Amino acid sequence: MQNTTRLAAVDLGSNSFRLEIGRVEHGQFYRTEYLKETVRQGNGLDDSRNLTLPAMQRGWDCLARFGERLAGFADTEVRAVATQTLREARNRDEFLAQGMKNLGFPIDVISGREEARLIYQGVAQALPNIPERRLVIDIGGRSTEIILGQGHESRHMESYRVGSVTWSMRYFADNQFSKRSFQIAEIAAKAVLDEALAIYTPDQWEVAYGSAGTINAVMDVLVAAGWPAGSVTQDGLDWLLDKLLVAQTIDRLKLAGMREDRKAIIGGGLSVLRALFELLGIKRLEQATGGLRHGLLQDMLGSAQHASDLRDHSVQRLAAKFGADPTHGHRVGRVANELFKHIAPEAIDERATRKLTWAAQLHEIGSHISHSDSHKHGAYILDNTDAMGFALTELHKLSLLVLGHRGKLRKLEADFEDNMLIQQLLVLRMAVALCHARRDPDLKGITLRRDVKNARHFTLSLSNEWAKAFPQSAYLLNEESVAWQKTPWSLDVSVG
């Protein structure tokens, strides 16, 4: 961030899309502009978990407006993430393709735990860095994140599929407030959040903090009614519930401090918040000024090195958990990156190198389940895991590399138009073949070239001496040539 004077974070939440822009001075971020639009994508998922066209259009229109404001920003100055609604949406790729065009920047769909990590980071940056044991709660539109941490370090984080939008749609769909509907909504929320009882017990934290929309909406109403600013108590929640029951319907709800766009989801948000108070034994919830987008900005301020270190740790944890051989993983990674230099010197940067290295370290994680189908199991693990520092889209790219590192290529759903992915896959497969004996291969006598006229054609040249010295390796590389014949790309192996 040394050469950056401005940063922007985009948060595609289930209820609202937010854009925060600011300047960077002496390593600190200072907000200069904040835009928020109530897109309400969370209630746009149909019974098949597809985003409806109107819900997608609302999101696209908002992102186009954000994109106009971000014109002129560099890629390194903007980070955009999407949360639970797009985690669930089956047609998220369709939305993201147009959304990224409108915004002008990549959009990462992050896992629930990654969202929780960023939330804690955003909350902690606004608090004193003292060894206080903290409980942080963020009730979003379709998910609730709960985190334990101490000082600026998060210790345990979870994401639960319960939120203000989903609970309002499910238990207050008729826009009616009744004692019975709140009872049912709170019981249902407790059923989802019940497992939190074993983790977030009162002896694990000293101060509880609430972040984001629901907590802020409740606080605004309580402060407008004369309650002390800065925290929420059970008495305050009881008072607000009474006010909603007296109003009976959303149309008759008139409370100072409550925005119009919050009325439709206050029932669901309040029921989830009350359930958390009872389950976790919360007496007082302090209002936190930071949140997800502030965590994003802190990640960006902390430099790419911090993010890479976090990802390295996640990869090492996954490899160890599933018994992958770290020595062999690093060996395959070194060979893959060496071959990559031959064909894509202009594309070599730290990100490309790290991605190949991570794929190599993880390519055998499925062997813990089954040797014959290890690549399939490894890909499944990566597509269904939470890895700190990674977006779901990044993990999917890694899963494609792991899935394609051996066997037939037509099994891949990979986009063969993705030049970078295909080049990385090509050298990873070669590296796995060259390292088949689980020792460092001799790369002298091997040359890999990319055709100048046809960028999708590669030639691997082997010297006669090398082919004679390593006949099994030469055979495996010839098999690679055959495998690529059934794709839009081609590989020739030449011995001479």
Protein backbone atom coordinates (compact mmCIF):
# COMPACT_ATOMS: atom_id res chain seq x y z
CA MET A 1 0.00 0.00 0.00
CA GLN A 2 3.02 2.34 -0.04
CA ASN A 3 2.02 3.91 -3.37
CA THR A 4 -1.72 3.89 -2.74
CA THR A 5 -3.48 7.05 -1.59
CA ARG A 6 -7.06 5.74 -1.76
CA LEU A 7 -8.96 2.51 -1.17
CA ALA A 8 -12.51 1.30 -1.69
CA ALA A 9 -14.46 -1.65 -0.28
CA VAL A 10 -17.70 -3.02 -1.70
CA ASP A 11 -19.94 -5.25 0.44
CA LEU A 12 -22.71 -7.13 -1.39
CA GLY A 13 -24.89 -8.08 1.56
CA SER A 14 -28.21 -9.91 1.51
CA ASN A 15 -30.11 -6.76 2.45
CA SER A 16 -27.91 -3.87 1.30
CA PHE A 17 -24.98 -3.18 -1.00
CA ARG A 18 -22.41 -0.79 0.45
CA LEU A 19 -19.47 1.13 -0.95
CA GLU A 20 -16.89 2.81 1.26
CA ILE A 21 -14.17 5.03 -0.20
CA GLY A 22 -11.40 6.77 1.65
CA ARG A 23 -7.89 8.10 1.56
CA VAL A 24 -4.81 6.50 3.07
CA GLU A 25 -2.46 8.62 5.13
CA HIS A 26 0.47 7.25 7.11
CA GLY A 27 -0.96 3.74 6.93
CA GLN A 28 -4.39 4.80 8.23
CA PHE A 29 -7.70 4.81 6.35
CA TYR A 30 -9.97 7.87 6.52
CA ARG A 31 -13.45 7.66 5.03
CA THR A 32 -14.33 10.25 2.40
CA GLU A 33 -17.50 8.72 0.97
CA TYR A 34 -20.05 6.07 1.91
CA LEU A 35 -22.85 4.81 -0.34
CA LYS A 36 -25.55 2.34 0.66
CA GLU A 37 -28.46 0.94 -1.32
CA THR A 38 -31.16 -1.39 0.01
CA VAL A 39 -31.11 -4.01 -2.73
CA ARG A 40 -32.87 -6.72 -0.70
CA GLN A 41 -31.34 -9.57 -2.73
CA GLY A 42 -31.87 -11.91 0.18
CA ASN A 43 -35.59 -12.19 -0.54
CA GLY A 44 -34.95 -12.77 -4.25
CA LEU A 45 -34.08 -16.47 -4.02
CA ASP A 46 -36.81 -18.73 -5.40
CA ASP A 47 -37.69 -22.24 -4.20
CA SER A 48 -34.88 -23.68 -6.34
CA ARG A 49 -32.37 -21.28 -4.76
CA ASN A 50 -31.99 -19.26 -7.94
CA LEU A 51 -31.93 -15.48 -7.89
CA THR A 52 -34.94 -14.12 -9.70
CA LEU A 53 -34.37 -11.76 -12.61
CA PRO A 54 -35.78 -8.74 -10.71
CA ALA A 55 -33.42 -9.47 -7.78
CA MET A 56 -30.47 -9.74 -10.15
CA GLN A 57 -31.48 -6.57 -11.95
CA ARG A 58 -31.63 -4.61 -8.68
CA GLY A 59 -28.11 -5.79 -7.91
CA TRP A 60 -26.80 -5.06 -11.40
CA ASP A 61 -28.27 -1.56 -11.38
CA CYS A 62 -26.67 -0.79 -8.01
CA LEU A 63 -23.30 -2.14 -9.12
CA ALA A 64 -23.44 -0.02 -12.26
CA ARG A 65 -23.86 3.07 -10.08
CA PHE A 66 -21.02 1.97 -7.83
CA GLY A 67 -18.92 1.25 -10.91
CA GLU A 68 -19.39 4.79 -12.20
CA ARG A 69 -18.12 6.13 -8.90
CA LEU A 70 -15.10 3.80 -8.98
CA ALA A 71 -14.05 4.74 -12.52
CA GLY A 72 -10.33 5.43 -12.52
CA PHE A 73 -9.53 3.26 -9.50
CA ALA A 74 -6.80 0.65 -9.94
CA ASP A 75 -7.48 -3.05 -9.34
CA THR A 76 -5.29 -2.96 -6.24
CA GLU A 77 -7.38 -0.15 -4.75
CA VAL A 78 -10.75 -1.94 -4.77
CA ARG A 79 -11.98 -5.13 -3.09
CA ALA A 80 -15.55 -6.38 -3.52
CA VAL A 81 -17.07 -9.36 -1.69
CA ALA A 82 -20.46 -11.08 -1.65
CA THR A 83 -21.92 -13.02 1.26
CA GLN A 84 -24.71 -15.47 2.11
CA THR A 85 -27.22 -14.82 -0.67
CA LEU A 86 -24.63 -15.46 -3.36
CA ARG A 87 -23.17 -18.34 -1.36
CA GLU A 88 -26.60 -19.97 -1.71
CA ALA A 89 -27.63 -18.88 -5.21
CA ARG A 90 -27.31 -21.66 -7.77
CA ASN A 91 -27.14 -19.13 -10.58
CA ARG A 92 -24.60 -16.88 -8.90
CA ASP A 93 -22.18 -17.18 -11.84
CA GLU A 94 -24.76 -15.55 -14.09
CA PHE A 95 -25.21 -12.69 -11.65
CA LEU A 96 -21.49 -12.28 -11.05
CA ALA A 97 -20.56 -12.22 -14.74
CA GLN A 98 -22.75 -9.18 -15.41
CA GLY A 99 -22.15 -7.71 -11.95
CA MET A 100 -18.38 -7.61 -12.45
CA LYS A 101 -18.84 -5.92 -15.82
CA ASN A 102 -21.04 -3.26 -14.23
CA LEU A 103 -18.75 -2.72 -11.26
CA GLY A 104 -15.55 -2.91 -13.27
CA PHE A 105 -13.79 -5.05 -10.66
CA PRO A 106 -13.73 -8.72 -9.55
CA ILE A 107 -16.30 -9.80 -6.95
CA ASP A 108 -15.28 -12.55 -4.53
CA VAL A 109 -17.92 -14.75 -2.93
CA ILE A 110 -16.50 -15.46 0.52
CA SER A 111 -17.30 -18.31 2.91
CA GLY A 112 -19.17 -17.77 6.17
CA ARG A 113 -16.05 -18.18 8.28
CA GLU A 114 -14.06 -15.82 6.07
CA GLU A 115 -16.88 -13.30 6.44
CA ALA A 116 -16.71 -13.79 10.21
CA ARG A 117 -12.93 -13.27 10.22
CA LEU A 118 -13.26 -10.01 8.31
CA ILE A 119 -16.10 -8.83 10.56
CA TYR A 120 -13.99 -9.36 13.66
CA GLN A 121 -11.06 -7.61 12.03
CA GLY A 122 -13.31 -4.66 11.18
CA VAL A 123 -14.73 -4.48 14.69
CA ALA A 124 -11.35 -4.85 16.39
CA GLN A 125 -9.69 -2.07 14.39
CA ALA A 126 -12.08 0.44 15.97
CA LEU A 127 -11.42 -0.82 19.53
CA PRO A 128 -8.36 -0.45 21.77
CA ASN A 129 -5.77 -3.18 21.25
CA ILE A 130 -6.04 -4.57 24.76
CA PRO A 131 -6.14 -8.24 25.85
CA GLU A 132 -9.92 -8.13 26.27
CA ARG A 133 -11.75 -11.37 25.47
CA ARG A 134 -14.49 -10.43 23.02
CA LEU A 135 -17.67 -11.91 21.64
CA VAL A 136 -18.70 -10.31 18.33
CA ILE A 137 -22.13 -10.83 16.73
CA ASP A 138 -23.24 -9.71 13.27
CA ILE A 139 -26.86 -10.43 12.25
CA GLY A 140 -27.08 -10.07 8.49
CA GLY A 141 -29.90 -10.60 6.04
CA ARG A 142 -29.45 -14.36 5.57
CA SER A 143 -26.68 -15.31 7.99
CA THR A 144 -25.41 -14.53 11.46
CA GLU A 145 -21.70 -14.55 12.27
CA ILE A 146 -20.44 -15.15 15.80
CA ILE A 147 -16.78 -14.74 16.70
CA LEU A 148 -14.62 -15.15 19.78
CA GLY A 149 -11.39 -13.20 19.90
CA GLN A 150 -8.90 -11.44 22.11
CA GLY A 151 -7.59 -8.01 21.26
CA HIS A 152 -7.14 -7.84 17.48
CA GLU A 153 -6.92 -11.61 17.04
CA SER A 154 -9.94 -13.77 16.21
CA ARG A 155 -9.88 -17.18 17.87
CA HIS A 156 -13.07 -19.00 16.86
CA MET A 157 -15.63 -18.06 14.22
CA GLU A 158 -18.83 -19.55 12.83
CA SER A 159 -21.58 -18.55 10.42
CA TYR A 160 -25.19 -19.67 10.90
CA ARG A 161 -28.00 -19.60 8.32
CA VAL A 162 -30.34 -17.34 10.20
CA GLY A 163 -30.87 -13.66 9.44
CA SER A 164 -33.22 -10.69 9.47
CA VAL A 165 -34.44 -11.11 5.88
CA THR A 166 -34.99 -14.88 5.94
CA TRP A 167 -36.66 -14.85 9.36
CA SER A 168 -38.92 -11.94 8.38
CA MET A 169 -39.94 -13.73 5.16
CA ARG A 170 -40.59 -16.96 7.02
CA TYR A 171 -42.31 -15.83 10.22
CA PHE A 172 -43.61 -12.32 9.46
CA ALA A 173 -44.51 -12.70 5.77
CA ASP A 174 -47.99 -11.29 6.34
CA ASN A 175 -46.49 -8.09 7.82
CA GLN A 176 -48.22 -8.92 11.13
CA PHE A 177 -46.58 -8.78 14.57
CA SER A 178 -48.01 -11.15 17.17
CA LYS A 179 -46.74 -12.67 20.36
CA ARG A 180 -47.13 -16.13 18.82
CA SER A 181 -45.12 -15.28 15.68
CA PHE A 182 -42.26 -13.94 17.80
CA GLN A 183 -42.30 -17.04 19.99
CA ILE A 184 -42.10 -19.33 16.96
CA ALA A 185 -39.39 -17.21 15.31
CA GLU A 186 -37.24 -17.19 18.45
CA ILE A 187 -37.61 -20.95 18.97
CA ALA A 188 -36.64 -21.56 15.34
CA ALA A 189 -33.61 -19.26 15.65
CA LYS A 190 -32.48 -21.07 18.80
CA ALA A 191 -32.74 -24.40 16.97
CA VAL A 192 -30.30 -23.15 14.32
CA LEU A 193 -28.01 -21.41 16.81
CA ASP A 194 -28.16 -24.15 19.43
CA GLU A 195 -24.69 -25.54 18.66
CA ALA A 196 -23.23 -22.14 19.57
CA LEU A 197 -24.06 -22.95 23.20
CA ALA A 198 -21.10 -25.30 23.47
CA ILE A 199 -18.61 -22.78 22.05
CA TYR A 200 -19.60 -19.24 23.04
CA THR A 201 -20.30 -19.77 26.73
CA PRO A 202 -20.12 -16.66 28.99
CA ASP A 203 -16.86 -17.83 30.56
CA GLN A 204 -15.16 -17.53 27.12
CA TRP A 205 -15.64 -13.75 26.78
CA GLU A 206 -15.71 -10.59 28.85
CA VAL A 207 -17.47 -8.08 26.57
CA ALA A 208 -20.04 -8.70 23.82
CA TYR A 209 -20.15 -6.47 20.73
CA GLY A 210 -22.81 -6.18 18.02
CA SER A 211 -21.99 -5.14 14.47
CA ALA A 212 -23.94 -4.12 11.35
CA GLY A 213 -27.55 -3.60 10.30
CA THR A 214 -29.84 -5.26 12.84
CA ILE A 215 -27.93 -4.10 15.90
CA ASN A 216 -27.61 -0.57 14.52
CA ALA A 217 -31.32 -0.44 13.64
CA VAL A 218 -32.32 -1.55 17.14
CA MET A 219 -29.90 0.93 18.69
CA ASP A 220 -31.24 3.83 16.60
CA VAL A 221 -34.79 3.21 17.83
CA LEU A 222 -33.76 2.80 21.47
CA VAL A 223 -31.64 5.96 21.48
CA ALA A 224 -34.47 7.95 19.85
CA ALA A 225 -36.75 6.75 22.68
CA GLY A 226 -34.33 7.93 25.36
CA TRP A 227 -32.38 4.76 26.12
CA PRO A 228 -28.61 5.16 26.72
CA ALA A 229 -26.50 5.22 23.57
CA GLY A 230 -23.82 2.66 22.86
CA SER A 231 -25.33 -0.58 24.14
CA VAL A 232 -28.42 -2.80 24.09
CA THR A 233 -29.83 -4.62 27.11
CA GLN A 234 -32.56 -7.21 27.57
CA ASP A 235 -34.85 -4.48 28.94
CA GLY A 236 -34.38 -2.52 25.74
CA LEU A 237 -35.22 -5.56 23.59
CA ASP A 238 -38.33 -6.24 25.69
CA TRP A 239 -39.43 -2.60 25.27
CA LEU A 240 -38.98 -2.77 21.48
CA LEU A 241 -40.90 -6.05 21.27
CA ASP A 242 -43.79 -4.48 23.16
CA LYS A 243 -43.85 -1.58 20.69
CA LEU A 244 -44.02 -3.96 17.73
CA LEU A 245 -46.82 -5.97 19.36
CA VAL A 246 -48.79 -2.80 20.04
CA ALA A 247 -48.42 -1.71 16.40
CA GLN A 248 -49.51 -5.20 15.24
CA THR A 249 -48.67 -4.48 11.60
CA ILE A 250 -45.75 -2.99 9.69
CA ASP A 251 -48.02 -0.32 8.21
CA ARG A 252 -48.97 0.94 11.68
CA LEU A 253 -45.41 0.85 13.00
CA LYS A 254 -44.28 4.39 13.74
CA LEU A 255 -41.13 4.56 15.82
CA ALA A 256 -38.68 7.44 15.93
CA GLY A 257 -35.27 6.35 14.66
CA MET A 258 -36.55 3.50 12.49
CA ARG A 259 -35.87 3.89 8.78
CA GLU A 260 -38.58 2.87 6.32
CA ASP A 261 -36.33 0.26 4.69
CA ARG A 262 -35.88 -1.50 8.05
CA LYS A 263 -39.56 -1.95 8.92
CA ALA A 264 -40.02 -5.00 6.71
CA ILE A 265 -37.17 -6.94 8.36
CA ILE A 266 -37.20 -5.68 11.96
CA GLY A 267 -39.35 -8.61 13.12
CA GLY A 268 -36.88 -11.21 11.91
CA GLY A 269 -33.86 -9.27 13.13
CA LEU A 270 -35.28 -8.69 16.60
CA SER A 271 -36.30 -12.35 17.03
CA VAL A 272 -32.78 -13.53 16.14
CA LEU A 273 -31.20 -10.97 18.48
CA ARG A 274 -33.46 -11.99 21.36
CA ALA A 275 -32.63 -15.65 20.74
CA LEU A 276 -28.91 -14.87 20.96
CA PHE A 277 -29.31 -12.94 24.20
CA GLU A 278 -31.03 -15.90 25.83
CA LEU A 279 -28.84 -18.64 24.36
CA LEU A 280 -25.49 -17.02 25.10
CA GLY A 281 -26.40 -15.35 28.38
CA ILE A 282 -25.78 -11.83 27.07
CA LYS A 283 -26.68 -9.07 29.53
CA ARG A 284 -25.35 -6.12 27.55
CA LEU A 285 -24.35 -5.84 23.89
CA GLU A 286 -22.01 -2.99 23.05
CA GLN A 287 -22.47 -1.29 19.69
CA ALA A 288 -19.46 -1.75 17.39
CA THR A 289 -18.64 0.82 14.72
CA GLY A 290 -16.66 -1.54 12.49
CA GLY A 291 -17.84 -4.38 10.28
CA LEU A 292 -17.18 -6.44 7.17
CA ARG A 293 -16.11 -3.65 4.83
CA HIS A 294 -13.78 -2.23 7.49
CA GLY A 295 -12.20 -5.67 7.77
CA LEU A 296 -11.71 -5.68 4.00
CA LEU A 297 -9.99 -2.32 4.19
CA GLN A 298 -7.76 -3.53 7.01
CA ASP A 299 -6.78 -6.53 4.89
CA MET A 300 -5.87 -4.19 2.05
CA LEU A 301 -3.92 -1.90 4.37
CA GLY A 302 -2.13 -4.90 5.81
CA SER A 303 -0.71 -5.56 2.32
CA ALA A 304 -0.93 -8.57 0.04
CA GLN A 305 1.78 -10.24 2.10
CA HIS A 306 -0.52 -10.58 5.10
CA ALA A 307 -3.27 -12.14 2.93
CA SER A 308 -0.79 -14.53 1.34
CA ASP A 309 0.60 -15.57 4.72
CA LEU A 310 -2.95 -16.31 5.89
CA ARG A 311 -3.61 -18.39 2.77
CA ASP A 312 -0.31 -20.24 3.16
CA HIS A 313 -1.39 -21.19 6.66
CA SER A 314 -4.80 -22.38 5.41
CA VAL A 315 -3.17 -24.52 2.70
CA GLN A 316 -0.74 -26.04 5.18
CA ARG A 317 -3.60 -26.79 7.57
CA LEU A 318 -5.64 -28.52 4.85
CA ALA A 319 -2.65 -30.51 3.61
CA ALA A 320 -1.84 -31.68 7.16
CA LYS A 321 -5.48 -32.47 7.97
CA PHE A 322 -5.80 -34.79 4.98
CA GLY A 323 -2.36 -36.33 5.25
CA ALA A 324 -0.77 -34.92 2.10
CA ASP A 325 3.01 -35.32 1.89
CA PRO A 326 4.40 -31.77 2.27
CA THR A 327 7.80 -32.66 0.78
CA HIS A 328 6.24 -34.06 -2.37
CA GLY A 329 3.78 -31.17 -2.60
CA HIS A 330 6.60 -28.62 -2.52
CA ARG A 331 8.56 -30.69 -5.07
CA VAL A 332 5.66 -30.70 -7.54
CA GLY A 333 5.17 -26.98 -6.96
CA ARG A 334 8.80 -26.15 -7.72
CA VAL A 335 8.74 -28.14 -10.97
CA ALA A 336 5.38 -26.68 -12.06
CA ASN A 337 6.59 -23.14 -11.50
CA GLU A 338 9.82 -23.82 -13.37
CA LEU A 339 7.87 -25.08 -16.39
CA PHE A 340 5.47 -22.15 -16.10
CA LYS A 341 8.37 -19.74 -16.60
CA HIS A 342 9.02 -21.34 -20.00
CA ILE A 343 5.58 -20.64 -21.46
CA ALA A 344 4.22 -17.57 -19.65
CA PRO A 345 7.08 -15.32 -18.57
CA GLU A 346 4.89 -12.23 -19.03
CA ALA A 347 2.28 -13.66 -16.64
CA ILE A 348 4.66 -14.66 -13.89
CA ASP A 349 3.85 -12.78 -10.71
CA GLU A 350 3.57 -13.68 -7.06
CA ARG A 351 -0.14 -14.50 -7.34
CA ALA A 352 0.31 -16.92 -10.24
CA THR A 353 3.29 -18.58 -8.56
CA ARG A 354 1.48 -18.95 -5.25
CA LYS A 355 -1.63 -20.43 -6.87
CA LEU A 356 0.45 -23.11 -8.59
CA THR A 357 2.31 -23.78 -5.36
CA TRP A 358 -0.94 -24.13 -3.41
CA ALA A 359 -2.45 -26.47 -6.01
CA ALA A 360 0.68 -28.63 -5.87
CA GLN A 361 0.60 -28.79 -2.07
CA LEU A 362 -3.08 -29.79 -2.16
CA HIS A 363 -3.15 -32.10 -5.17
CA GLU A 364 -3.02 -35.26 -3.02
CA ILE A 365 -5.47 -34.32 -0.24
CA GLY A 366 -8.09 -36.66 -1.70
CA SER A 367 -5.77 -39.68 -1.32
CA HIS A 368 -6.78 -39.83 2.33
CA ILE A 369 -10.23 -40.92 1.10
CA SER A 370 -9.46 -42.94 -2.03
CA HIS A 371 -6.30 -43.38 -4.09
CA SER A 372 -7.98 -44.18 -7.41
CA ASP A 373 -10.32 -41.17 -7.29
CA SER A 374 -8.13 -38.91 -5.20
CA HIS A 375 -8.37 -36.01 -7.65
CA LYS A 376 -12.19 -36.07 -7.47
CA HIS A 377 -12.23 -36.21 -3.68
CA GLY A 378 -9.59 -33.48 -3.43
CA ALA A 379 -11.65 -31.19 -5.65
CA TYR A 380 -14.77 -31.91 -3.58
CA ILE A 381 -12.94 -31.03 -0.38
CA LEU A 382 -11.79 -27.68 -1.79
CA ASP A 383 -15.25 -26.83 -3.11
CA ASN A 384 -16.80 -27.54 0.28
CA THR A 385 -14.34 -26.19 2.81
CA ASP A 386 -13.77 -22.92 4.63
CA ALA A 387 -10.20 -21.71 4.22
CA MET A 388 -9.22 -18.44 5.87
CA GLY A 389 -8.10 -15.79 3.42
CA PHE A 390 -9.67 -17.47 0.38
CA ALA A 391 -12.79 -16.48 -1.52
CA LEU A 392 -15.04 -19.33 -2.68
CA THR A 393 -14.22 -18.44 -6.28
CA GLU A 394 -10.49 -18.82 -5.54
CA LEU A 395 -11.04 -22.18 -3.88
CA HIS A 396 -13.03 -23.32 -6.91
CA LYS A 397 -10.12 -22.47 -9.22
CA LEU A 398 -7.84 -24.50 -6.96
CA SER A 399 -10.37 -27.35 -6.99
CA LEU A 400 -10.29 -27.37 -10.80
CA LEU A 401 -6.50 -27.62 -10.77
CA VAL A 402 -6.64 -30.47 -8.25
CA LEU A 403 -9.41 -32.24 -10.21
CA GLY A 404 -7.49 -31.90 -13.47
CA HIS A 405 -4.01 -32.79 -12.24
CA ARG A 406 -4.46 -36.36 -13.49
CA GLY A 407 -6.74 -38.41 -15.74
CA LYS A 408 -8.98 -37.31 -18.58
CA LEU A 409 -9.44 -33.62 -19.17
CA ARG A 410 -12.99 -33.79 -20.50
CA LYS A 411 -14.24 -34.43 -16.95
CA LEU A 412 -13.42 -30.82 -16.17
CA GLU A 413 -16.08 -28.18 -16.26
CA ALA A 414 -13.23 -25.72 -16.63
CA ASP A 415 -13.60 -22.88 -19.05
CA PHE A 416 -11.07 -23.74 -21.74
CA GLU A 417 -11.14 -20.06 -22.67
CA ASP A 418 -9.44 -19.24 -19.36
CA ASN A 419 -5.86 -19.02 -20.63
CA MET A 420 -4.22 -18.66 -17.23
CA LEU A 421 -6.07 -21.62 -15.71
CA ILE A 422 -5.28 -23.89 -18.66
CA GLN A 423 -1.58 -22.99 -18.68
CA GLN A 424 -1.36 -23.65 -14.95
CA LEU A 425 -3.17 -26.95 -15.41
CA LEU A 426 -0.80 -27.98 -18.21
CA VAL A 427 2.37 -27.43 -16.18
CA LEU A 428 0.84 -28.94 -13.03
CA ARG A 429 0.02 -32.17 -14.89
CA MET A 430 3.53 -32.26 -16.34
CA ALA A 431 5.06 -31.68 -12.92
CA VAL A 432 3.03 -34.53 -11.42
CA ALA A 433 4.21 -36.81 -14.24
CA LEU A 434 7.85 -35.78 -13.87
CA CYS A 435 7.71 -36.30 -10.09
CA HIS A 436 6.02 -39.72 -10.35
CA ALA A 437 8.98 -41.41 -8.60
CA ARG A 438 8.57 -38.96 -5.67
CA ARG A 439 12.03 -37.54 -6.09
CA ASP A 440 13.41 -34.39 -7.71
CA PRO A 441 13.39 -34.89 -11.50
CA ASP A 442 16.22 -33.98 -13.85
CA LEU A 443 14.94 -31.04 -15.91
CA LYS A 444 18.08 -30.74 -18.04
CA GLY A 445 17.26 -31.80 -21.57
CA ILE A 446 13.63 -30.61 -21.29
CA THR A 447 12.28 -27.53 -23.06
CA LEU A 448 8.66 -26.37 -23.09
CA ARG A 449 7.64 -23.75 -25.65
CA ARG A 450 4.45 -21.96 -26.55
CA ASP A 451 3.78 -21.46 -30.29
CA VAL A 452 4.14 -17.83 -31.33
CA LYS A 453 1.43 -18.05 -33.99
CA ASN A 454 -0.94 -20.39 -32.16
CA ALA A 455 -1.08 -19.51 -28.46
CA ARG A 456 -3.00 -22.72 -27.72
CA HIS A 457 -0.27 -25.00 -29.00
CA PHE A 458 2.70 -26.13 -26.92
CA THR A 459 5.76 -28.18 -27.76
CA LEU A 460 7.69 -30.19 -25.22
CA SER A 461 11.17 -31.12 -26.46
CA LEU A 462 13.07 -34.00 -24.85
CA SER A 463 16.68 -34.83 -25.68
CA ASN A 464 17.43 -38.40 -26.77
CA GLU A 465 19.67 -38.86 -23.75
CA TRP A 466 16.95 -37.70 -21.34
CA ALA A 467 14.29 -39.93 -22.92
CA LYS A 468 16.60 -42.95 -22.65
CA ALA A 469 17.58 -42.17 -19.07
CA PHE A 470 13.97 -41.69 -17.93
CA PRO A 471 11.74 -43.91 -20.11
CA GLN A 472 8.78 -43.95 -17.68
CA SER A 473 8.76 -40.16 -17.48
CA ALA A 474 8.97 -39.93 -21.28
CA TYR A 475 6.03 -42.34 -21.58
CA LEU A 476 3.90 -40.32 -19.14
CA LEU A 477 4.65 -37.10 -21.00
CA ASN A 478 3.61 -38.70 -24.28
CA GLU A 479 0.36 -39.71 -22.60
CA GLU A 480 -0.11 -36.04 -21.72
CA SER A 481 0.08 -35.19 -25.41
CA VAL A 482 -2.75 -37.64 -26.11
CA ALA A 483 -4.88 -36.23 -23.26
CA TRP A 484 -4.74 -32.68 -24.61
CA GLN A 485 -5.80 -33.76 -28.13
CA LYS A 486 -9.43 -33.87 -26.95
CA THR A 487 -9.42 -30.22 -25.88
CA PRO A 488 -9.15 -26.90 -27.76
CA TRP A 489 -5.48 -26.90 -26.69
CA SER A 490 -2.68 -29.13 -27.97
CA LEU A 491 0.66 -30.45 -26.80
CA ASP A 492 3.31 -32.06 -28.98
CA VAL A 493 6.15 -34.09 -27.47
CA SER A 494 9.30 -34.12 -29.57
CA VAL A 495 12.28 -36.40 -28.89
CA GLY A 496 15.51 -35.62 -30.62
